Amino acid sequence: MNIIIGKQLFQIELVSNQATKELIGRLPINLKMNDLHGNEKYAYFSEILPTQEEKVAEIKKGDIMLYGSDCLVLFYKTFSTNYSYTKIGKVKEVDQLDFISEIETINVILVK
């Protein structure tokens, strides 16, 4: 799976689970992702996805996860957390994500 942020294409290394499989089945998806806490971008889906939540302890820059059953989150900083998420994947070109920290809202397209 790939994510297009602005005009840049990034590859996503996927986690094998039911949420990821259903997400792939819905592609392409256009999302407007807003900033939260200066470390992540998020967007809500209109339909829920199955969850397989786990306490991740540490979030790494480039992680893509599902919060609850309908909120996709793209993390652009590494930090510790007590929250639980369903893992979706990780952006491979993580070192090229820094530019999104300077933008309040990003438009993304998830594609195969």
PDB file of N, CA and C in Angstrom:
ATOM      1  N   MET A   1       0.849  -1.166   0.000  1.00  0.00           N
ATOM      2  CA  MET A   1       0.000   0.000   0.000  1.00  0.00           C
ATOM      3  C   MET A   1       0.900   1.236   0.000  1.00  0.00           C
ATOM      4  N   ASN A   2       0.383   2.311  -0.565  1.00  0.00           N
ATOM      5  CA  ASN A   2       1.110   3.568  -0.617  1.00  0.00           C
ATOM      6  C   ASN A   2       0.250   4.685  -0.050  1.00  0.00           C
ATOM      7  N   ILE A   3       0.901   5.743   0.377  1.00  0.00           N
ATOM      8  CA  ILE A   3       0.211   6.939   0.830  1.00  0.00           C
ATOM      9  C   ILE A   3       0.811   8.117   0.081  1.00  0.00           C
ATOM     10  N   ILE A   4      -0.063   8.943  -0.470  1.00  0.00           N
ATOM     11  CA  ILE A   4       0.367  10.151  -1.156  1.00  0.00           C
ATOM     12  C   ILE A   4       0.042  11.317  -0.235  1.00  0.00           C
ATOM     13  N   ILE A   5       1.064  12.061   0.135  1.00  0.00           N
ATOM     14  CA  ILE A   5       0.895  13.244   0.982  1.00  0.00           C
ATOM     15  C   ILE A   5       1.303  14.433   0.136  1.00  0.00           C
ATOM     16  N   GLY A   6       0.326  15.272  -0.183  1.00  0.00           N
ATOM     17  CA  GLY A   6       0.605  16.356  -1.121  1.00  0.00           C
ATOM     18  C   GLY A   6       0.924  15.734  -2.470  1.00  0.00           C
ATOM     19  N   LYS A   7       2.154  15.917  -2.918  1.00  0.00           N
ATOM     20  CA  LYS A   7       2.578  15.320  -4.192  1.00  0.00           C
ATOM     21  C   LYS A   7       3.629  14.235  -3.994  1.00  0.00           C
ATOM     22  N   GLN A   8       3.912  13.893  -2.731  1.00  0.00           N
ATOM     23  CA  GLN A   8       4.937  12.888  -2.445  1.00  0.00           C
ATOM     24  C   GLN A   8       4.306  11.522  -2.200  1.00  0.00           C
ATOM     25  N   LEU A   9       4.906  10.501  -2.809  1.00  0.00           N
ATOM     26  CA  LEU A   9       4.460   9.121  -2.651  1.00  0.00           C
ATOM     27  C   LEU A   9       5.362   8.410  -1.653  1.00  0.00           C
ATOM     28  N   PHE A  10       4.725   7.745  -0.684  1.00  0.00           N
ATOM     29  CA  PHE A  10       5.444   6.970   0.325  1.00  0.00           C
ATOM     30  C   PHE A  10       4.936   5.538   0.308  1.00  0.00           C
ATOM     31  N   GLN A  11       5.830   4.592   0.502  1.00  0.00           N
ATOM     32  CA  GLN A  11       5.448   3.185   0.600  1.00  0.00           C
ATOM     33  C   GLN A  11       5.153   2.844   2.049  1.00  0.00           C
ATOM     34  N   ILE A  12       4.161   1.986   2.243  1.00  0.00           N
ATOM     35  CA  ILE A  12       3.809   1.552   3.586  1.00  0.00           C
ATOM     36  C   ILE A  12       4.053   0.050   3.699  1.00  0.00           C
ATOM     37  N   GLU A  13       4.859  -0.318   4.679  1.00  0.00           N
ATOM     38  CA  GLU A  13       5.067  -1.730   5.003  1.00  0.00           C
ATOM     39  C   GLU A  13       3.921  -2.126   5.930  1.00  0.00           C
ATOM     40  N   LEU A  14       3.069  -3.037   5.465  1.00  0.00           N
ATOM     41  CA  LEU A  14       1.828  -3.363   6.173  1.00  0.00           C
ATOM     42  C   LEU A  14       1.987  -4.455   7.217  1.00  0.00           C
ATOM     43  N   VAL A  15       1.163  -4.369   8.250  1.00  0.00           N
ATOM     44  CA  VAL A  15       1.013  -5.423   9.259  1.00  0.00           C
ATOM     45  C   VAL A  15      -0.117  -6.321   8.767  1.00  0.00           C
ATOM     46  N   SER A  16       0.017  -7.612   8.928  1.00  0.00           N
ATOM     47  CA  SER A  16      -1.019  -8.544   8.480  1.00  0.00           C
ATOM     48  C   SER A  16      -2.051  -8.740   9.588  1.00  0.00           C
ATOM     49  N   ASN A  17      -3.216  -8.118   9.409  1.00  0.00           N
ATOM     50  CA  ASN A  17      -4.341  -8.318  10.323  1.00  0.00           C
ATOM     51  C   ASN A  17      -5.640  -7.981   9.588  1.00  0.00           C
ATOM     52  N   GLN A  18      -6.753  -8.199  10.237  1.00  0.00           N
ATOM     53  CA  GLN A  18      -8.053  -8.001   9.593  1.00  0.00           C
ATOM     54  C   GLN A  18      -8.320  -6.532   9.271  1.00  0.00           C
ATOM     55  N   ALA A  19      -7.896  -5.629  10.139  1.00  0.00           N
ATOM     56  CA  ALA A  19      -8.102  -4.200   9.890  1.00  0.00           C
ATOM     57  C   ALA A  19      -7.384  -3.766   8.610  1.00  0.00           C
ATOM     58  N   THR A  20      -6.152  -4.212   8.456  1.00  0.00           N
ATOM     59  CA  THR A  20      -5.376  -3.864   7.262  1.00  0.00           C
ATOM     60  C   THR A  20      -6.019  -4.445   6.015  1.00  0.00           C
ATOM     61  N   LYS A  21      -6.459  -5.697   6.087  1.00  0.00           N
ATOM     62  CA  LYS A  21      -7.108  -6.330   4.934  1.00  0.00           C
ATOM     63  C   LYS A  21      -8.357  -5.570   4.512  1.00  0.00           C
ATOM     64  N   GLU A  22      -9.183  -5.169   5.471  1.00  0.00           N
ATOM     65  CA  GLU A  22     -10.394  -4.415   5.137  1.00  0.00           C
ATOM     66  C   GLU A  22     -10.070  -3.026   4.616  1.00  0.00           C
ATOM     67  N   LEU A  23      -9.040  -2.405   5.170  1.00  0.00           N
ATOM     68  CA  LEU A  23      -8.621  -1.090   4.697  1.00  0.00           C
ATOM     69  C   LEU A  23      -8.187  -1.170   3.236  1.00  0.00           C
ATOM     70  N   ILE A  24      -7.410  -2.166   2.892  1.00  0.00           N
ATOM     71  CA  ILE A  24      -6.961  -2.361   1.508  1.00  0.00           C
ATOM     72  C   ILE A  24      -8.158  -2.541   0.579  1.00  0.00           C
ATOM     73  N   GLY A  25      -9.172  -3.241   1.056  1.00  0.00           N
ATOM     74  CA  GLY A  25     -10.375  -3.457   0.254  1.00  0.00           C
ATOM     75  C   GLY A  25     -11.159  -2.187  -0.026  1.00  0.00           C
ATOM     76  N   ARG A  26     -10.912  -1.130   0.704  1.00  0.00           N
ATOM     77  CA  ARG A  26     -11.619   0.137   0.526  1.00  0.00           C
ATOM     78  C   ARG A  26     -10.854   1.145  -0.340  1.00  0.00           C
ATOM     79  N   LEU A  27      -9.642   0.796  -0.725  1.00  0.00           N
ATOM     80  CA  LEU A  27      -8.805   1.728  -1.487  1.00  0.00           C
ATOM     81  C   LEU A  27      -9.373   2.013  -2.862  1.00  0.00           C
ATOM     82  N   PRO A  28      -9.145   3.193  -3.413  1.00  0.00           N
ATOM     83  CA  PRO A  28      -8.409   4.321  -2.849  1.00  0.00           C
ATOM     84  C   PRO A  28      -9.260   5.099  -1.837  1.00  0.00           C
ATOM     85  N   ILE A  29      -8.582   5.730  -0.887  1.00  0.00           N
ATOM     86  CA  ILE A  29      -9.256   6.521   0.139  1.00  0.00           C
ATOM     87  C   ILE A  29      -8.595   7.902   0.188  1.00  0.00           C
ATOM     88  N   ASN A  30      -9.407   8.936   0.134  1.00  0.00           N
ATOM     89  CA  ASN A  30      -8.935  10.320   0.286  1.00  0.00           C
ATOM     90  C   ASN A  30      -9.268  10.782   1.697  1.00  0.00           C
ATOM     91  N   LEU A  31      -8.288  11.348   2.383  1.00  0.00           N
ATOM     92  CA  LEU A  31      -8.495  11.807   3.754  1.00  0.00           C
ATOM     93  C   LEU A  31      -7.899  13.186   3.966  1.00  0.00           C
ATOM     94  N   LYS A  32      -8.549  13.951   4.817  1.00  0.00           N
ATOM     95  CA  LYS A  32      -8.021  15.218   5.304  1.00  0.00           C
ATOM     96  C   LYS A  32      -7.595  14.941   6.735  1.00  0.00           C
ATOM     97  N   MET A  33      -6.287  14.980   7.006  1.00  0.00           N
ATOM     98  CA  MET A  33      -5.766  14.627   8.321  1.00  0.00           C
ATOM     99  C   MET A  33      -5.321  15.880   9.068  1.00  0.00           C
ATOM    100  N   ASN A  34      -5.821  16.027  10.283  1.00  0.00           N
ATOM    101  CA  ASN A  34      -5.507  17.175  11.136  1.00  0.00           C
ATOM    102  C   ASN A  34      -4.408  16.822  12.126  1.00  0.00           C
ATOM    103  N   ASP A  35      -3.722  17.855  12.583  1.00  0.00           N
ATOM    104  CA  ASP A  35      -2.645  17.658  13.551  1.00  0.00           C
ATOM    105  C   ASP A  35      -3.194  17.516  14.966  1.00  0.00           C
ATOM    106  N   LEU A  36      -2.514  16.702  15.763  1.00  0.00           N
ATOM    107  CA  LEU A  36      -2.868  16.533  17.171  1.00  0.00           C
ATOM    108  C   LEU A  36      -1.583  16.377  17.978  1.00  0.00           C
ATOM    109  N   HIS A  37      -1.427  17.155  19.035  1.00  0.00           N
ATOM    110  CA  HIS A  37      -0.320  17.070  19.993  1.00  0.00           C
ATOM    111  C   HIS A  37       1.066  17.325  19.399  1.00  0.00           C
ATOM    112  N   GLY A  38       1.151  17.813  18.181  1.00  0.00           N
ATOM    113  CA  GLY A  38       2.452  18.084  17.583  1.00  0.00           C
ATOM    114  C   GLY A  38       3.269  16.843  17.295  1.00  0.00           C
ATOM    115  N   ASN A  39       2.577  15.678  17.170  1.00  0.00           N
ATOM    116  CA  ASN A  39       3.306  14.441  16.867  1.00  0.00           C
ATOM    117  C   ASN A  39       2.552  13.496  15.944  1.00  0.00           C
ATOM    118  N   GLU A  40       1.331  13.858  15.564  1.00  0.00           N
ATOM    119  CA  GLU A  40       0.529  12.944  14.749  1.00  0.00           C
ATOM    120  C   GLU A  40      -0.489  13.698  13.908  1.00  0.00           C
ATOM    121  N   LYS A  41      -0.916  13.028  12.836  1.00  0.00           N
ATOM    122  CA  LYS A  41      -2.028  13.485  12.003  1.00  0.00           C
ATOM    123  C   LYS A  41      -3.093  12.391  12.087  1.00  0.00           C
ATOM    124  N   TYR A  42      -4.363  12.811  12.116  1.00  0.00           N
ATOM    125  CA  TYR A  42      -5.436  11.824  12.254  1.00  0.00           C
ATOM    126  C   TYR A  42      -6.629  12.191  11.381  1.00  0.00           C
ATOM    127  N   ALA A  43      -7.424  11.167  11.053  1.00  0.00           N
ATOM    128  CA  ALA A  43      -8.675  11.354  10.316  1.00  0.00           C
ATOM    129  C   ALA A  43      -9.617  10.223  10.687  1.00  0.00           C
ATOM    130  N   TYR A  44     -10.897  10.550  10.733  1.00  0.00           N
ATOM    131  CA  TYR A  44     -11.923   9.553  11.047  1.00  0.00           C
ATOM    132  C   TYR A  44     -12.535   8.993   9.771  1.00  0.00           C
ATOM    133  N   PHE A  45     -12.790   7.684   9.781  1.00  0.00           N
ATOM    134  CA  PHE A  45     -13.513   7.023   8.705  1.00  0.00           C
ATOM    135  C   PHE A  45     -15.003   7.091   8.992  1.00  0.00           C
ATOM    136  N   SER A  46     -15.811   7.029   7.949  1.00  0.00           N
ATOM    137  CA  SER A  46     -17.260   7.003   8.144  1.00  0.00           C
ATOM    138  C   SER A  46     -17.736   5.605   8.546  1.00  0.00           C
ATOM    139  N   GLU A  47     -16.939   4.590   8.232  1.00  0.00           N
ATOM    140  CA  GLU A  47     -17.277   3.212   8.605  1.00  0.00           C
ATOM    141  C   GLU A  47     -16.162   2.645   9.481  1.00  0.00           C
ATOM    142  N   ILE A  48     -16.544   1.781  10.405  1.00  0.00           N
ATOM    143  CA  ILE A  48     -15.555   1.212  11.326  1.00  0.00           C
ATOM    144  C   ILE A  48     -14.751   0.093  10.666  1.00  0.00           C
ATOM    145  N   LEU A  49     -13.612  -0.174  11.248  1.00  0.00           N
ATOM    146  CA  LEU A  49     -12.754  -1.287  10.863  1.00  0.00           C
ATOM    147  C   LEU A  49     -12.636  -2.229  12.056  1.00  0.00           C
ATOM    148  N   PRO A  50     -12.341  -3.497  11.818  1.00  0.00           N
ATOM    149  CA  PRO A  50     -12.119  -4.410  12.942  1.00  0.00           C
ATOM    150  C   PRO A  50     -10.854  -3.997  13.697  1.00  0.00           C
ATOM    151  N   THR A  51     -10.813  -4.289  14.970  1.00  0.00           N
ATOM    152  CA  THR A  51      -9.654  -3.887  15.769  1.00  0.00           C
ATOM    153  C   THR A  51      -8.927  -5.097  16.335  1.00  0.00           C
ATOM    154  N   GLN A  52      -7.679  -4.879  16.608  1.00  0.00           N
ATOM    155  CA  GLN A  52      -6.819  -5.845  17.286  1.00  0.00           C
ATOM    156  C   GLN A  52      -5.874  -4.994  18.138  1.00  0.00           C
ATOM    157  N   GLU A  53      -6.472  -4.287  19.090  1.00  0.00           N
ATOM    158  CA  GLU A  53      -5.733  -3.306  19.866  1.00  0.00           C
ATOM    159  C   GLU A  53      -4.698  -3.942  20.776  1.00  0.00           C
ATOM    160  N   GLU A  54      -3.599  -3.218  20.932  1.00  0.00           N
ATOM    161  CA  GLU A  54      -2.558  -3.632  21.860  1.00  0.00           C
ATOM    162  C   GLU A  54      -1.869  -2.383  22.399  1.00  0.00           C
ATOM    163  N   LYS A  55      -1.388  -2.465  23.623  1.00  0.00           N
ATOM    164  CA  LYS A  55      -0.598  -1.363  24.179  1.00  0.00           C
ATOM    165  C   LYS A  55       0.755  -1.405  23.496  1.00  0.00           C
ATOM    166  N   VAL A  56       1.098  -0.317  22.828  1.00  0.00           N
ATOM    167  CA  VAL A  56       2.323  -0.325  22.036  1.00  0.00           C
ATOM    168  C   VAL A  56       3.536   0.207  22.796  1.00  0.00           C
ATOM    169  N   ALA A  57       3.334   0.884  23.908  1.00  0.00           N
ATOM    170  CA  ALA A  57       4.395   1.450  24.760  1.00  0.00           C
ATOM    171  C   ALA A  57       5.184   2.554  24.063  1.00  0.00           C
ATOM    172  N   GLU A  58       5.705   2.286  22.875  1.00  0.00           N
ATOM    173  CA  GLU A  58       6.436   3.316  22.140  1.00  0.00           C
ATOM    174  C   GLU A  58       5.919   3.398  20.714  1.00  0.00           C
ATOM    175  N   ILE A  59       5.654   4.612  20.306  1.00  0.00           N
ATOM    176  CA  ILE A  59       5.258   4.891  18.930  1.00  0.00           C
ATOM    177  C   ILE A  59       6.491   5.399  18.218  1.00  0.00           C
ATOM    178  N   LYS A  60       6.692   4.904  17.007  1.00  0.00           N
ATOM    179  CA  LYS A  60       7.857   5.317  16.234  1.00  0.00           C
ATOM    180  C   LYS A  60       7.410   6.187  15.058  1.00  0.00           C
ATOM    181  N   LYS A  61       8.246   7.132  14.733  1.00  0.00           N
ATOM    182  CA  LYS A  61       8.012   8.002  13.586  1.00  0.00           C
ATOM    183  C   LYS A  61       7.717   7.139  12.362  1.00  0.00           C
ATOM    184  N   GLY A  62       6.607   7.440  11.676  1.00  0.00           N
ATOM    185  CA  GLY A  62       6.219   6.687  10.486  1.00  0.00           C
ATOM    186  C   GLY A  62       5.164   5.628  10.738  1.00  0.00           C
ATOM    187  N   ASP A  63       4.870   5.339  12.011  1.00  0.00           N
ATOM    188  CA  ASP A  63       3.835   4.344  12.323  1.00  0.00           C
ATOM    189  C   ASP A  63       2.473   4.828  11.844  1.00  0.00           C
ATOM    190  N   ILE A  64       1.697   3.909  11.308  1.00  0.00           N
ATOM    191  CA  ILE A  64       0.309   4.161  10.940  1.00  0.00           C
ATOM    192  C   ILE A  64      -0.526   3.178  11.733  1.00  0.00           C
ATOM    193  N   MET A  65      -1.469   3.719  12.522  1.00  0.00           N
ATOM    194  CA  MET A  65      -2.257   2.874  13.410  1.00  0.00           C
ATOM    195  C   MET A  65      -3.711   3.324  13.420  1.00  0.00           C
ATOM    196  N   LEU A  66      -4.541   2.432  13.899  1.00  0.00           N
ATOM    197  CA  LEU A  66      -5.963   2.699  14.054  1.00  0.00           C
ATOM    198  C   LEU A  66      -6.238   2.912  15.533  1.00  0.00           C
ATOM    199  N   TYR A  67      -6.799   4.084  15.862  1.00  0.00           N
ATOM    200  CA  TYR A  67      -7.199   4.371  17.236  1.00  0.00           C
ATOM    201  C   TYR A  67      -8.695   4.126  17.321  1.00  0.00           C
ATOM    202  N   GLY A  68      -9.091   3.260  18.238  1.00  0.00           N
ATOM    203  CA  GLY A  68     -10.493   2.845  18.258  1.00  0.00           C
ATOM    204  C   GLY A  68     -10.759   2.048  17.002  1.00  0.00           C
ATOM    205  N   SER A  69     -11.958   2.169  16.468  1.00  0.00           N
ATOM    206  CA  SER A  69     -12.288   1.396  15.267  1.00  0.00           C
ATOM    207  C   SER A  69     -12.475   2.259  14.030  1.00  0.00           C
ATOM    208  N   ASP A  70     -12.270   3.592  14.174  1.00  0.00           N
ATOM    209  CA  ASP A  70     -12.558   4.457  13.029  1.00  0.00           C
ATOM    210  C   ASP A  70     -11.622   5.644  12.858  1.00  0.00           C
ATOM    211  N   CYS A  71     -10.499   5.663  13.564  1.00  0.00           N
ATOM    212  CA  CYS A  71      -9.589   6.808  13.478  1.00  0.00           C
ATOM    213  C   CYS A  71      -8.205   6.358  13.024  1.00  0.00           C
ATOM    214  N   LEU A  72      -7.820   6.773  11.831  1.00  0.00           N
ATOM    215  CA  LEU A  72      -6.498   6.443  11.301  1.00  0.00           C
ATOM    216  C   LEU A  72      -5.514   7.511  11.747  1.00  0.00           C
ATOM    217  N   VAL A  73      -4.359   7.080  12.248  1.00  0.00           N
ATOM    218  CA  VAL A  73      -3.356   7.999  12.762  1.00  0.00           C
ATOM    219  C   VAL A  73      -2.006   7.745  12.078  1.00  0.00           C
ATOM    220  N   LEU A  74      -1.381   8.816  11.632  1.00  0.00           N
ATOM    221  CA  LEU A  74      -0.039   8.779  11.065  1.00  0.00           C
ATOM    222  C   LEU A  74       0.858   9.563  12.017  1.00  0.00           C
ATOM    223  N   PHE A  75       1.841   8.893  12.586  1.00  0.00           N
ATOM    224  CA  PHE A  75       2.736   9.524  13.551  1.00  0.00           C
ATOM    225  C   PHE A  75       3.994  10.031  12.857  1.00  0.00           C
ATOM    226  N   TYR A  76       4.398  11.255  13.192  1.00  0.00           N
ATOM    227  CA  TYR A  76       5.604  11.813  12.592  1.00  0.00           C
ATOM    228  C   TYR A  76       6.686  12.111  13.621  1.00  0.00           C
ATOM    229  N   LYS A  77       6.505  11.634  14.840  1.00  0.00           N
ATOM    230  CA  LYS A  77       7.528  11.714  15.884  1.00  0.00           C
ATOM    231  C   LYS A  77       7.517  10.417  16.684  1.00  0.00           C
ATOM    232  N   THR A  78       8.625  10.105  17.331  1.00  0.00           N
ATOM    233  CA  THR A  78       8.744   8.937  18.197  1.00  0.00           C
ATOM    234  C   THR A  78       8.533   9.383  19.642  1.00  0.00           C
ATOM    235  N   PHE A  79       7.720   8.623  20.383  1.00  0.00           N
ATOM    236  CA  PHE A  79       7.448   8.955  21.784  1.00  0.00           C
ATOM    237  C   PHE A  79       6.831   7.765  22.500  1.00  0.00           C
ATOM    238  N   SER A  80       6.817   7.816  23.818  1.00  0.00           N
ATOM    239  CA  SER A  80       6.201   6.769  24.641  1.00  0.00           C
ATOM    240  C   SER A  80       4.715   7.058  24.811  1.00  0.00           C
ATOM    241  N   THR A  81       3.917   5.992  24.989  1.00  0.00           N
ATOM    242  CA  THR A  81       2.473   6.160  25.156  1.00  0.00           C
ATOM    243  C   THR A  81       1.890   5.045  26.004  1.00  0.00           C
ATOM    244  N   ASN A  82       0.762   5.326  26.625  1.00  0.00           N
ATOM    245  CA  ASN A  82       0.009   4.320  27.365  1.00  0.00           C
ATOM    246  C   ASN A  82      -1.227   3.879  26.589  1.00  0.00           C
ATOM    247  N   TYR A  83      -1.454   4.476  25.421  1.00  0.00           N
ATOM    248  CA  TYR A  83      -2.645   4.178  24.632  1.00  0.00           C
ATOM    249  C   TYR A  83      -2.516   2.852  23.887  1.00  0.00           C
ATOM    250  N   SER A  84      -3.669   2.311  23.497  1.00  0.00           N
ATOM    251  CA  SER A  84      -3.727   1.082  22.713  1.00  0.00           C
ATOM    252  C   SER A  84      -4.156   1.408  21.292  1.00  0.00           C
ATOM    253  N   TYR A  85      -3.561   0.718  20.344  1.00  0.00           N
ATOM    254  CA  TYR A  85      -3.840   0.921  18.922  1.00  0.00           C
ATOM    255  C   TYR A  85      -3.878  -0.420  18.198  1.00  0.00           C
ATOM    256  N   THR A  86      -4.493  -0.423  17.032  1.00  0.00           N
ATOM    257  CA  THR A  86      -4.393  -1.536  16.104  1.00  0.00           C
ATOM    258  C   THR A  86      -3.349  -1.127  15.065  1.00  0.00           C
ATOM    259  N   LYS A  87      -2.307  -1.898  14.936  1.00  0.00           N
ATOM    260  CA  LYS A  87      -1.240  -1.569  13.996  1.00  0.00           C
ATOM    261  C   LYS A  87      -1.712  -1.797  12.563  1.00  0.00           C
ATOM    262  N   ILE A  88      -1.387  -0.840  11.691  1.00  0.00           N
ATOM    263  CA  ILE A  88      -1.700  -0.937  10.269  1.00  0.00           C
ATOM    264  C   ILE A  88      -0.409  -1.104   9.462  1.00  0.00           C
ATOM    265  N   GLY A  89       0.583  -0.291   9.758  1.00  0.00           N
ATOM    266  CA  GLY A  89       1.839  -0.384   9.020  1.00  0.00           C
ATOM    267  C   GLY A  89       2.792   0.727   9.398  1.00  0.00           C
ATOM    268  N   LYS A  90       3.821   0.873   8.565  1.00  0.00           N
ATOM    269  CA  LYS A  90       4.855   1.883   8.813  1.00  0.00           C
ATOM    270  C   LYS A  90       5.334   2.438   7.480  1.00  0.00           C
ATOM    271  N   VAL A  91       5.483   3.754   7.431  1.00  0.00           N
ATOM    272  CA  VAL A  91       6.023   4.417   6.251  1.00  0.00           C
ATOM    273  C   VAL A  91       7.495   4.030   6.124  1.00  0.00           C
ATOM    274  N   LYS A  92       7.879   3.552   4.936  1.00  0.00           N
ATOM    275  CA  LYS A  92       9.262   3.122   4.718  1.00  0.00           C
ATOM    276  C   LYS A  92      10.231   4.299   4.640  1.00  0.00           C
ATOM    277  N   GLU A  93       9.813   5.385   4.022  1.00  0.00           N
ATOM    278  CA  GLU A  93      10.682   6.546   3.840  1.00  0.00           C
ATOM    279  C   GLU A  93      10.495   7.517   5.016  1.00  0.00           C
ATOM    280  N   VAL A  94      10.624   7.008   6.209  1.00  0.00           N
ATOM    281  CA  VAL A  94      10.322   7.752   7.430  1.00  0.00           C
ATOM    282  C   VAL A  94      11.118   9.056   7.548  1.00  0.00           C
ATOM    283  N   ASP A  95      12.337   9.082   7.041  1.00  0.00           N
ATOM    284  CA  ASP A  95      13.175  10.265   7.143  1.00  0.00           C
ATOM    285  C   ASP A  95      12.656  11.425   6.282  1.00  0.00           C
ATOM    286  N   GLN A  96      11.700  11.154   5.401  1.00  0.00           N
ATOM    287  CA  GLN A  96      11.164  12.200   4.531  1.00  0.00           C
ATOM    288  C   GLN A  96       9.832  12.772   5.043  1.00  0.00           C
ATOM    289  N   LEU A  97       9.415  12.383   6.245  1.00  0.00           N
ATOM    290  CA  LEU A  97       8.132  12.822   6.793  1.00  0.00           C
ATOM    291  C   LEU A  97       8.184  14.141   7.558  1.00  0.00           C
ATOM    292  N   ASP A  98       9.346  14.663   7.816  1.00  0.00           N
ATOM    293  CA  ASP A  98       9.478  15.848   8.672  1.00  0.00           C
ATOM    294  C   ASP A  98       8.622  17.031   8.226  1.00  0.00           C
ATOM    295  N   PHE A  99       8.413  17.183   6.932  1.00  0.00           N
ATOM    296  CA  PHE A  99       7.687  18.347   6.430  1.00  0.00           C
ATOM    297  C   PHE A  99       6.246  18.414   6.933  1.00  0.00           C
ATOM    298  N   ILE A 100       5.640  17.290   7.304  1.00  0.00           N
ATOM    299  CA  ILE A 100       4.237  17.346   7.725  1.00  0.00           C
ATOM    300  C   ILE A 100       4.058  17.967   9.106  1.00  0.00           C
ATOM    301  N   SER A 101       5.136  18.073   9.872  1.00  0.00           N
ATOM    302  CA  SER A 101       5.030  18.701  11.192  1.00  0.00           C
ATOM    303  C   SER A 101       4.746  20.196  11.073  1.00  0.00           C
ATOM    304  N   GLU A 102       5.065  20.777   9.935  1.00  0.00           N
ATOM    305  CA  GLU A 102       4.893  22.214   9.735  1.00  0.00           C
ATOM    306  C   GLU A 102       3.542  22.580   9.134  1.00  0.00           C
ATOM    307  N   ILE A 103       2.719  21.569   8.831  1.00  0.00           N
ATOM    308  CA  ILE A 103       1.431  21.790   8.181  1.00  0.00           C
ATOM    309  C   ILE A 103       0.321  21.322   9.121  1.00  0.00           C
ATOM    310  N   GLU A 104      -0.651  22.176   9.402  1.00  0.00           N
ATOM    311  CA  GLU A 104      -1.733  21.837  10.331  1.00  0.00           C
ATOM    312  C   GLU A 104      -2.631  20.716   9.797  1.00  0.00           C
ATOM    313  N   THR A 105      -2.988  20.805   8.537  1.00  0.00           N
ATOM    314  CA  THR A 105      -3.876  19.808   7.919  1.00  0.00           C
ATOM    315  C   THR A 105      -3.240  19.333   6.619  1.00  0.00           C
ATOM    316  N   ILE A 106      -3.194  18.021   6.443  1.00  0.00           N
ATOM    317  CA  ILE A 106      -2.651  17.464   5.207  1.00  0.00           C
ATOM    318  C   ILE A 106      -3.724  16.667   4.480  1.00  0.00           C
ATOM    319  N   ASN A 107      -3.648  16.671   3.169  1.00  0.00           N
ATOM    320  CA  ASN A 107      -4.516  15.830   2.370  1.00  0.00           C
ATOM    321  C   ASN A 107      -3.718  14.611   1.953  1.00  0.00           C
ATOM    322  N   VAL A 108      -4.296  13.440   2.181  1.00  0.00           N
ATOM    323  CA  VAL A 108      -3.609  12.204   1.820  1.00  0.00           C
ATOM    324  C   VAL A 108      -4.528  11.315   0.991  1.00  0.00           C
ATOM    325  N   ILE A 109      -3.908  10.481   0.188  1.00  0.00           N
ATOM    326  CA  ILE A 109      -4.626   9.476  -0.579  1.00  0.00           C
ATOM    327  C   ILE A 109      -3.949   8.144  -0.302  1.00  0.00           C
ATOM    328  N   LEU A 110      -4.723   7.184   0.155  1.00  0.00           N
ATOM    329  CA  LEU A 110      -4.224   5.819   0.338  1.00  0.00           C
ATOM    330  C   LEU A 110      -4.541   5.037  -0.932  1.00  0.00           C
ATOM    331  N   VAL A 111      -3.540   4.408  -1.521  1.00  0.00           N
ATOM    332  CA  VAL A 111      -3.702   3.667  -2.774  1.00  0.00           C
ATOM    333  C   VAL A 111      -2.944   2.351  -2.692  1.00  0.00           C
ATOM    334  N   LYS A 112      -3.284   1.459  -3.625  1.00  0.00           N
ATOM    335  CA  LYS A 112      -2.569   0.166  -3.687  1.00  0.00           C
ATOM    336  C   LYS A 112      -1.209   0.338  -4.301  1.00  0.00           C
TER     337      LYS A 112
END
